[in-house]
Protein backbone atom coordinates (compact mmCIF):
# COMPACT_ATOMS: atom_id res chain seq x y z
CA MET A 1 37.38 -26.87 -45.61
CA SER A 2 38.70 -23.49 -43.90
CA VAL A 3 38.25 -19.88 -46.85
CA GLU A 4 38.95 -16.50 -46.00
CA VAL A 5 36.55 -14.74 -45.08
CA ASP A 6 34.91 -11.68 -47.08
CA ARG A 7 32.33 -8.96 -46.49
CA ARG A 8 29.57 -11.08 -48.67
CA ASP A 9 30.29 -13.55 -45.98
CA LEU A 10 30.25 -12.01 -42.89
CA ASP A 11 27.17 -10.07 -44.17
CA ALA A 12 25.25 -13.25 -44.48
CA VAL A 13 26.63 -14.69 -41.25
CA ARG A 14 24.94 -11.21 -39.57
CA ARG A 15 21.68 -11.90 -41.63
CA GLN A 16 22.32 -15.52 -39.84
CA LEU A 17 22.65 -14.56 -36.30
CA GLY A 18 20.23 -11.69 -36.44
CA ARG A 19 23.74 -9.55 -34.87
CA PRO A 20 26.79 -9.03 -35.66
CA PRO A 21 29.47 -12.14 -35.88
CA ARG A 22 32.66 -12.13 -33.61
CA ASP A 23 35.91 -12.65 -34.55
CA VAL A 24 35.11 -14.74 -37.05
CA LEU A 25 38.67 -15.91 -38.71
CA ALA A 26 37.09 -18.36 -41.34
CA ILE A 27 34.36 -20.40 -42.77
CA ALA A 28 34.90 -23.66 -42.15
CA HIS A 29 31.68 -25.41 -43.77
CA ARG A 30 29.94 -23.85 -46.50
CA CYS A 31 26.04 -24.93 -46.79
CA PRO A 32 25.16 -26.66 -49.60
CA CYS A 33 23.30 -23.78 -50.74
CA GLY A 34 25.96 -21.63 -51.04
CA GLN A 35 25.90 -20.10 -47.61
CA PRO A 36 28.36 -20.27 -44.78
CA ASP A 37 26.82 -22.30 -41.96
CA VAL A 38 30.30 -22.31 -39.87
CA VAL A 39 32.52 -20.18 -38.91
CA GLN A 40 35.75 -20.69 -37.44
CA THR A 41 36.27 -17.90 -34.28
CA ALA A 42 39.22 -17.13 -33.06
CA PRO A 43 40.25 -19.10 -29.48
CA ARG A 44 40.50 -15.63 -27.48
CA LEU A 45 38.40 -12.49 -28.68
CA ASP A 46 39.12 -9.14 -29.37
CA ASP A 47 38.01 -8.20 -25.79
CA GLY A 48 39.88 -10.98 -24.25
CA THR A 49 37.46 -13.61 -23.18
CA PRO A 50 38.11 -17.01 -24.17
CA PHE A 51 36.21 -18.73 -26.23
CA PRO A 52 36.92 -22.57 -26.94
CA THR A 53 33.60 -22.64 -29.51
CA MET A 54 36.12 -22.67 -32.08
CA TYR A 55 33.17 -24.24 -34.57
CA TYR A 56 30.47 -21.89 -34.65
CA LEU A 57 27.12 -23.31 -36.59
CA THR A 58 25.29 -20.53 -37.78
CA CYS A 59 22.40 -21.65 -40.00
CA PRO A 60 19.13 -21.10 -38.25
CA ARG A 61 17.73 -23.94 -39.98
CA ALA A 62 20.29 -26.37 -39.47
CA ALA A 63 20.79 -24.81 -35.90
CA GLY A 64 16.48 -25.49 -35.29
CA ALA A 65 16.51 -28.43 -36.75
CA ILE A 66 19.63 -29.53 -34.08
CA GLY A 67 17.52 -27.82 -31.40
CA THR A 68 14.62 -30.04 -31.99
CA LEU A 69 16.94 -33.77 -31.57
CA GLU A 70 17.70 -31.52 -28.43
CA SER A 71 14.48 -31.54 -26.92
CA GLN A 72 13.71 -34.68 -28.00
CA GLY A 73 16.79 -36.08 -25.68
CA TRP A 74 19.68 -37.10 -28.14
CA MET A 75 22.16 -35.41 -25.96
CA ARG A 76 20.93 -37.81 -22.79
CA GLU A 77 21.22 -40.94 -24.94
CA MET A 78 24.09 -40.18 -26.56
CA THR A 79 26.24 -39.42 -23.35
CA ALA A 80 24.07 -43.30 -22.26
CA ARG A 81 26.02 -44.52 -25.51
CA LEU A 82 29.54 -43.03 -24.66
CA ALA A 83 29.36 -44.62 -20.97
CA ALA A 84 27.92 -48.03 -22.08
CA ASP A 85 30.30 -47.96 -26.13
CA PRO A 86 34.30 -48.44 -25.16
CA GLU A 87 35.03 -48.17 -28.77
CA LEU A 88 32.44 -45.34 -29.76
CA ALA A 89 33.84 -43.63 -26.14
CA ALA A 90 37.80 -43.77 -28.14
CA HIS A 91 36.39 -42.34 -31.26
CA TYR A 92 35.18 -39.57 -29.59
CA ARG A 93 37.44 -38.04 -27.41
CA ARG A 94 39.96 -38.55 -30.50
CA ALA A 95 37.23 -36.08 -31.91
CA HIS A 96 37.97 -34.02 -28.53
CA GLU A 97 41.88 -34.18 -29.59
CA ASP A 98 41.12 -33.05 -33.19
CA TYR A 99 39.35 -30.26 -31.73
CA LEU A 100 41.89 -29.06 -29.06
CA ARG A 101 44.56 -29.92 -32.11
CA ARG A 102 42.75 -27.30 -34.28
CA ARG A 103 42.26 -24.77 -32.09
CA THR A 104 45.89 -24.62 -30.56
CA ALA A 105 47.17 -24.17 -34.27
CA LEU A 106 45.10 -20.72 -34.22
CA ALA A 107 45.99 -19.84 -30.75
CA GLU A 108 47.29 -21.30 -27.01
CA VAL A 109 44.62 -19.65 -24.84
CA PRO A 110 45.82 -21.18 -21.28
CA GLU A 111 42.63 -20.31 -19.63
CA ILE A 112 40.72 -23.18 -22.26
CA ALA A 113 43.77 -25.38 -22.11
CA GLY A 114 42.47 -29.14 -22.75
CA ILE A 115 38.52 -28.03 -23.04
CA SER A 116 37.18 -28.67 -26.35
CA ALA A 117 33.56 -27.89 -27.04
CA GLY A 118 29.95 -29.45 -26.78
CA GLY A 119 30.90 -31.80 -23.72
CA MET A 120 33.77 -33.90 -25.11
CA PRO A 121 35.46 -35.76 -24.54
CA ASP A 122 33.09 -37.28 -21.70
CA ARG A 123 29.20 -36.14 -22.40
CA VAL A 124 27.25 -34.21 -24.95
CA LYS A 125 26.23 -30.77 -23.83
CA CYS A 126 25.63 -29.67 -27.46
CA LEU A 127 24.80 -31.07 -30.43
CA HIS A 128 25.23 -27.75 -32.49
CA VAL A 129 28.66 -28.49 -31.76
CA LEU A 130 29.72 -31.38 -32.40
CA ALA A 131 27.68 -31.09 -35.91
CA ALA A 132 29.73 -27.69 -36.34
CA HIS A 133 32.61 -29.76 -35.87
CA ALA A 134 31.69 -32.78 -38.05
CA LEU A 135 30.53 -29.99 -40.63
CA ALA A 136 34.26 -28.49 -40.56
CA ALA A 137 36.25 -31.31 -40.14
CA GLY A 138 34.89 -34.15 -42.48
CA PRO A 139 33.30 -36.98 -42.10
CA GLY A 140 34.44 -39.86 -40.22
CA ILE A 141 36.55 -37.40 -37.65
CA ASN A 142 33.69 -36.66 -34.62
CA PRO A 143 30.82 -39.80 -34.48
CA LEU A 144 28.40 -37.94 -32.88
CA GLY A 145 28.32 -34.89 -35.32
CA ASP A 146 28.06 -37.25 -38.03
CA GLU A 147 24.94 -39.14 -36.51
CA ILE A 148 23.36 -35.52 -35.96
CA LEU A 149 24.01 -34.49 -39.79
CA VAL A 150 22.47 -37.70 -40.95
CA ALA A 151 19.33 -37.07 -38.88
CA LEU A 152 18.77 -33.69 -40.26
CA ASP A 153 16.97 -32.86 -43.09
CA ASP A 154 17.84 -31.19 -46.03
CA TRP A 155 17.78 -27.40 -44.21
CA TRP A 156 18.82 -26.15 -47.25
CA ALA A 157 16.56 -27.18 -49.71
CA ARG A 158 14.46 -24.33 -49.20
CA GLY A 159 17.23 -22.18 -50.04
CA ALA A 160 19.95 -19.69 -48.66
CA CYS A 161 18.30 -19.06 -45.10
CA ALA A 162 20.84 -15.69 -45.02
CA ASP A 163 17.95 -14.67 -47.63
CA ASP A 164 15.43 -15.17 -44.93
CA GLN A 165 13.74 -11.87 -43.62
CA LYS A 166 13.39 -13.80 -39.62
CA ALA A 167 17.05 -15.44 -39.57
CA SER A 168 18.58 -15.98 -36.23
CA ALA A 169 20.40 -19.16 -35.13
CA VAL A 170 18.46 -20.72 -32.66
CA GLY A 171 20.37 -22.64 -30.04
CA THR A 172 23.85 -20.98 -30.48
CA PRO A 173 25.41 -19.22 -27.90
CA SER A 174 25.51 -15.50 -28.36
CA THR A 175 29.00 -14.78 -26.03
CA GLY A 176 31.64 -15.72 -25.18
CA ALA A 177 30.73 -16.55 -21.41
CA ALA A 178 27.38 -18.49 -22.44
CA ALA A 179 30.11 -20.84 -24.35
CA ALA A 180 32.69 -20.93 -22.04
CA ASP A 181 31.19 -24.19 -20.77
CA ASP A 182 31.07 -25.85 -24.30
């Protein structure tokens, strides 16, 4: 899913992140509560910065729950599984290729050619990015992103996070420089 962005969506994302969103091209996924939870970001920001994190998780509740998984060692465990399971590694490589194909369709940015996000294709570096890719691309594309989503509780059940007074995305990078290694 990729939907044009309107002012209400950008306002919701601003409340989620606690800052103005940067170079949002589309809403890549909506939370069951109706608010954006993943945005599609330009591969090159307006200031010229290459930005490999095309799918950016904005929901602070989902981001917080994913941060808990990261603190429990999920990245290390998933990376070990990739090394031990050739079938999983092949599927994860296809997810990497999917990510690159989708980003290249938006724009070619030589500085990030071949670099996807979240550690793909050989390791797991950021669960937030993998979950965002899984939400945007749909089930079956990113196997580890799908696993992350299954592990989460129903973060949307309390209503729209963009209505929270203190909504701010925990664990998501806020600048192109911070995400350049993803």
